Structure formats: C-alpha cells, structure tokens
Amino acid sequence: MASKYKAKRTEYNGRTYDSKAEARWAMIYQNMLRTGQLKDIEYQPSIELLPKPNKIVYKPDFLLTWPDESKEYIDVKGMILPAFRLKQKMMAYFYPDKKLTLVK
C-alpha cells in the first residue's frame, strides 16, 4: 500500500522497507557488508532527541559501521518535510559528533 507521499512499502531479503528507494539502499549496503566495505548495518536505530514528558525520538533508516569503526547514520528521503528538518537540526545540536547523511 502506498503512503500519502506515494512511497511504496517494499520487501527485500525478508525485511519490509518504507519505500523502494530505502530497499535499494539496503541492497547496496548489504552488498557492501558482504564484500567487507562495511563492518555492520543497524536498521532504524532509535535516537532520543528529547526525554519524557515531551519525548522525541528520531529513527534514521540505517546506522552503518565502517571498517575503521566510524559510524554514519543514513536517512533515505524522497521528500523532505518540516518535521524531518527539525529533527535533523536537533540531532546536529544534541549530537554534534554523530554523522548524519541524507540520501535521495
């Protein structure tokens, strides 16, 4: 079923992704993992931006661990909405040491 933003949920390798683009990137990252270009992939890691009572959680699509142990959060977006821009700014403010990459 397509979402209101026309993203179509897509299954790849036993996992359902929110869009075809996200599934394509998952395939790329899994191939990189198999060939040793990546050390690990975590799917939809949870990052707390604000604690309770106004809890705000950000879940990027992937957390990649590179062979040198550096980490990179990846978010696949077809359309950038204001809510994402706010979370992106909060992430940069509260976690300046964490790398967040946006892919389209």
C-alpha atoms as a PDB file:
ATOM      1  CA  MET A   1       0.000   0.000   0.000  1.00  0.00           C
ATOM      2  CA  ALA A   2       1.345   3.418  -0.940  1.00  0.00           C
ATOM      3  CA  SER A   3       1.598   6.181   1.628  1.00  0.00           C
ATOM      4  CA  LYS A   4       0.198   9.661   1.222  1.00  0.00           C
ATOM      5  CA  TYR A   5       3.611  10.672  -0.164  1.00  0.00           C
ATOM      6  CA  LYS A   6       3.479   7.866  -2.768  1.00  0.00           C
ATOM      7  CA  ALA A   7       6.195   5.774  -1.128  1.00  0.00           C
ATOM      8  CA  LYS A   8       5.527   2.093  -1.723  1.00  0.00           C
ATOM      9  CA  ARG A   9       6.450  -0.361   1.024  1.00  0.00           C
ATOM     10  CA  THR A  10       8.923  -2.818  -0.453  1.00  0.00           C
ATOM     11  CA  GLU A  11      10.231  -6.146   0.787  1.00  0.00           C
ATOM     12  CA  TYR A  12      13.843  -7.149   0.289  1.00  0.00           C
ATOM     13  CA  ASN A  13      15.706 -10.059   1.841  1.00  0.00           C
ATOM     14  CA  GLY A  14      12.961 -10.769   4.394  1.00  0.00           C
ATOM     15  CA  ARG A  15      12.614  -7.190   5.638  1.00  0.00           C
ATOM     16  CA  THR A  16       9.956  -4.623   4.700  1.00  0.00           C
ATOM     17  CA  TYR A  17      11.142  -1.097   3.941  1.00  0.00           C
ATOM     18  CA  ASP A  18       9.068   2.078   3.837  1.00  0.00           C
ATOM     19  CA  SER A  19       9.959   2.773   0.194  1.00  0.00           C
ATOM     20  CA  LYS A  20      11.531   1.298  -2.921  1.00  0.00           C
ATOM     21  CA  ALA A  21      14.446   3.710  -2.524  1.00  0.00           C
ATOM     22  CA  GLU A  22      15.108   2.553   1.033  1.00  0.00           C
ATOM     23  CA  ALA A  23      15.045  -1.090  -0.113  1.00  0.00           C
ATOM     24  CA  ARG A  24      17.505  -0.269  -2.926  1.00  0.00           C
ATOM     25  CA  TRP A  25      19.894   1.347  -0.452  1.00  0.00           C
ATOM     26  CA  ALA A  26      19.529  -1.660   1.867  1.00  0.00           C
ATOM     27  CA  MET A  27      20.576  -3.899  -1.035  1.00  0.00           C
ATOM     28  CA  ILE A  28      23.609  -1.691  -1.718  1.00  0.00           C
ATOM     29  CA  TYR A  29      24.639  -1.651   1.947  1.00  0.00           C
ATOM     30  CA  GLN A  30      24.169  -5.414   2.320  1.00  0.00           C
ATOM     31  CA  ASN A  31      26.387  -5.975  -0.720  1.00  0.00           C
ATOM     32  CA  MET A  32      28.982  -3.671   0.817  1.00  0.00           C
ATOM     33  CA  LEU A  33      28.747  -5.673   4.054  1.00  0.00           C
ATOM     34  CA  ARG A  34      29.291  -8.954   2.178  1.00  0.00           C
ATOM     35  CA  THR A  35      32.352  -7.573   0.385  1.00  0.00           C
ATOM     36  CA  GLY A  36      33.909  -6.154   3.552  1.00  0.00           C
ATOM     37  CA  GLN A  37      33.396  -2.497   2.650  1.00  0.00           C
ATOM     38  CA  LEU A  38      31.129  -2.178   5.717  1.00  0.00           C
ATOM     39  CA  LYS A  39      31.542  -3.780   9.123  1.00  0.00           C
ATOM     40  CA  ASP A  40      27.903  -3.639  10.299  1.00  0.00           C
ATOM     41  CA  ILE A  41      24.420  -2.332   9.470  1.00  0.00           C
ATOM     42  CA  GLU A  42      21.777  -1.475  12.036  1.00  0.00           C
ATOM     43  CA  TYR A  43      18.241  -0.872  10.801  1.00  0.00           C
ATOM     44  CA  GLN A  44      16.194   2.043  12.151  1.00  0.00           C
ATOM     45  CA  PRO A  45      18.292   2.814  15.230  1.00  0.00           C
ATOM     46  CA  SER A  46      16.490   4.896  17.835  1.00  0.00           C
ATOM     47  CA  ILE A  47      17.997   8.223  18.917  1.00  0.00           C
ATOM     48  CA  GLU A  48      16.328  10.098  21.765  1.00  0.00           C
ATOM     49  CA  LEU A  49      16.312  13.817  20.996  1.00  0.00           C
ATOM     50  CA  LEU A  50      14.212  14.906  23.981  1.00  0.00           C
ATOM     51  CA  PRO A  51      13.402  12.883  27.104  1.00  0.00           C
ATOM     52  CA  LYS A  52       9.965  12.447  28.645  1.00  0.00           C
ATOM     53  CA  PRO A  53       7.479  14.061  29.143  1.00  0.00           C
ATOM     54  CA  ASN A  54       7.913  15.583  25.649  1.00  0.00           C
ATOM     55  CA  LYS A  55       9.814  12.610  24.298  1.00  0.00           C
ATOM     56  CA  ILE A  56      11.016  12.994  20.722  1.00  0.00           C
ATOM     57  CA  VAL A  57      12.701  10.035  19.047  1.00  0.00           C
ATOM     58  CA  TYR A  58      14.409  10.078  15.681  1.00  0.00           C
ATOM     59  CA  LYS A  59      14.803   6.857  13.714  1.00  0.00           C
ATOM     60  CA  PRO A  60      17.053   7.190  10.684  1.00  0.00           C
ATOM     61  CA  ASP A  61      16.890   4.315   8.214  1.00  0.00           C
ATOM     62  CA  PHE A  62      20.364   2.887   8.794  1.00  0.00           C
ATOM     63  CA  LEU A  63      23.381   3.087  11.072  1.00  0.00           C
ATOM     64  CA  LEU A  64      26.475   1.997   9.189  1.00  0.00           C
ATOM     65  CA  THR A  65      29.693   0.957  10.907  1.00  0.00           C
ATOM     66  CA  TRP A  66      32.694   1.311   8.604  1.00  0.00           C
ATOM     67  CA  PRO A  67      35.810  -0.894   8.815  1.00  0.00           C
ATOM     68  CA  ASP A  68      37.663   1.861  10.732  1.00  0.00           C
ATOM     69  CA  GLU A  69      34.866   1.700  13.388  1.00  0.00           C
ATOM     70  CA  SER A  70      33.460   5.119  12.423  1.00  0.00           C
ATOM     71  CA  LYS A  71      29.676   5.309  12.363  1.00  0.00           C
ATOM     72  CA  GLU A  72      27.309   7.057   9.980  1.00  0.00           C
ATOM     73  CA  TYR A  73      23.556   7.464  10.229  1.00  0.00           C
ATOM     74  CA  ILE A  74      21.765   7.347   6.875  1.00  0.00           C
ATOM     75  CA  ASP A  75      18.268   8.627   6.156  1.00  0.00           C
ATOM     76  CA  VAL A  76      16.672   7.952   2.759  1.00  0.00           C
ATOM     77  CA  LYS A  77      14.202  10.660   1.781  1.00  0.00           C
ATOM     78  CA  GLY A  78      12.161  11.206  -1.354  1.00  0.00           C
ATOM     79  CA  MET A  79      10.555  14.325   0.104  1.00  0.00           C
ATOM     80  CA  ILE A  80      11.946  16.467   2.893  1.00  0.00           C
ATOM     81  CA  LEU A  81       9.253  17.592   5.310  1.00  0.00           C
ATOM     82  CA  PRO A  82       9.475  20.254   8.047  1.00  0.00           C
ATOM     83  CA  ALA A  83       9.340  17.614  10.811  1.00  0.00           C
ATOM     84  CA  PHE A  84      12.461  15.983   9.389  1.00  0.00           C
ATOM     85  CA  ARG A  85      14.283  19.332   9.138  1.00  0.00           C
ATOM     86  CA  LEU A  86      13.527  19.957  12.826  1.00  0.00           C
ATOM     87  CA  LYS A  87      14.813  16.521  13.866  1.00  0.00           C
ATOM     88  CA  GLN A  88      17.888  16.995  11.670  1.00  0.00           C
ATOM     89  CA  LYS A  89      18.674  20.288  13.450  1.00  0.00           C
ATOM     90  CA  MET A  90      18.028  18.748  16.882  1.00  0.00           C
ATOM     91  CA  MET A  91      20.341  15.855  16.047  1.00  0.00           C
ATOM     92  CA  ALA A  92      23.102  18.274  14.990  1.00  0.00           C
ATOM     93  CA  TYR A  93      22.632  20.304  18.180  1.00  0.00           C
ATOM     94  CA  PHE A  94      22.414  17.460  20.723  1.00  0.00           C
ATOM     95  CA  TYR A  95      24.791  15.032  18.980  1.00  0.00           C
ATOM     96  CA  PRO A  96      27.339  17.089  17.021  1.00  0.00           C
ATOM     97  CA  ASP A  97      29.742  14.112  16.997  1.00  0.00           C
ATOM     98  CA  LYS A  98      27.276  11.848  15.111  1.00  0.00           C
ATOM     99  CA  LYS A  99      27.401  11.947  11.331  1.00  0.00           C
ATOM    100  CA  LEU A 100      24.014  12.052   9.577  1.00  0.00           C
ATOM    101  CA  THR A 101      23.837  11.688   5.807  1.00  0.00           C
ATOM    102  CA  LEU A 102      20.706  12.315   3.782  1.00  0.00           C
ATOM    103  CA  VAL A 103      20.329  10.322   0.546  1.00  0.00           C
ATOM    104  CA  LYS A 104      17.669  10.857  -2.080  1.00  0.00           C
END
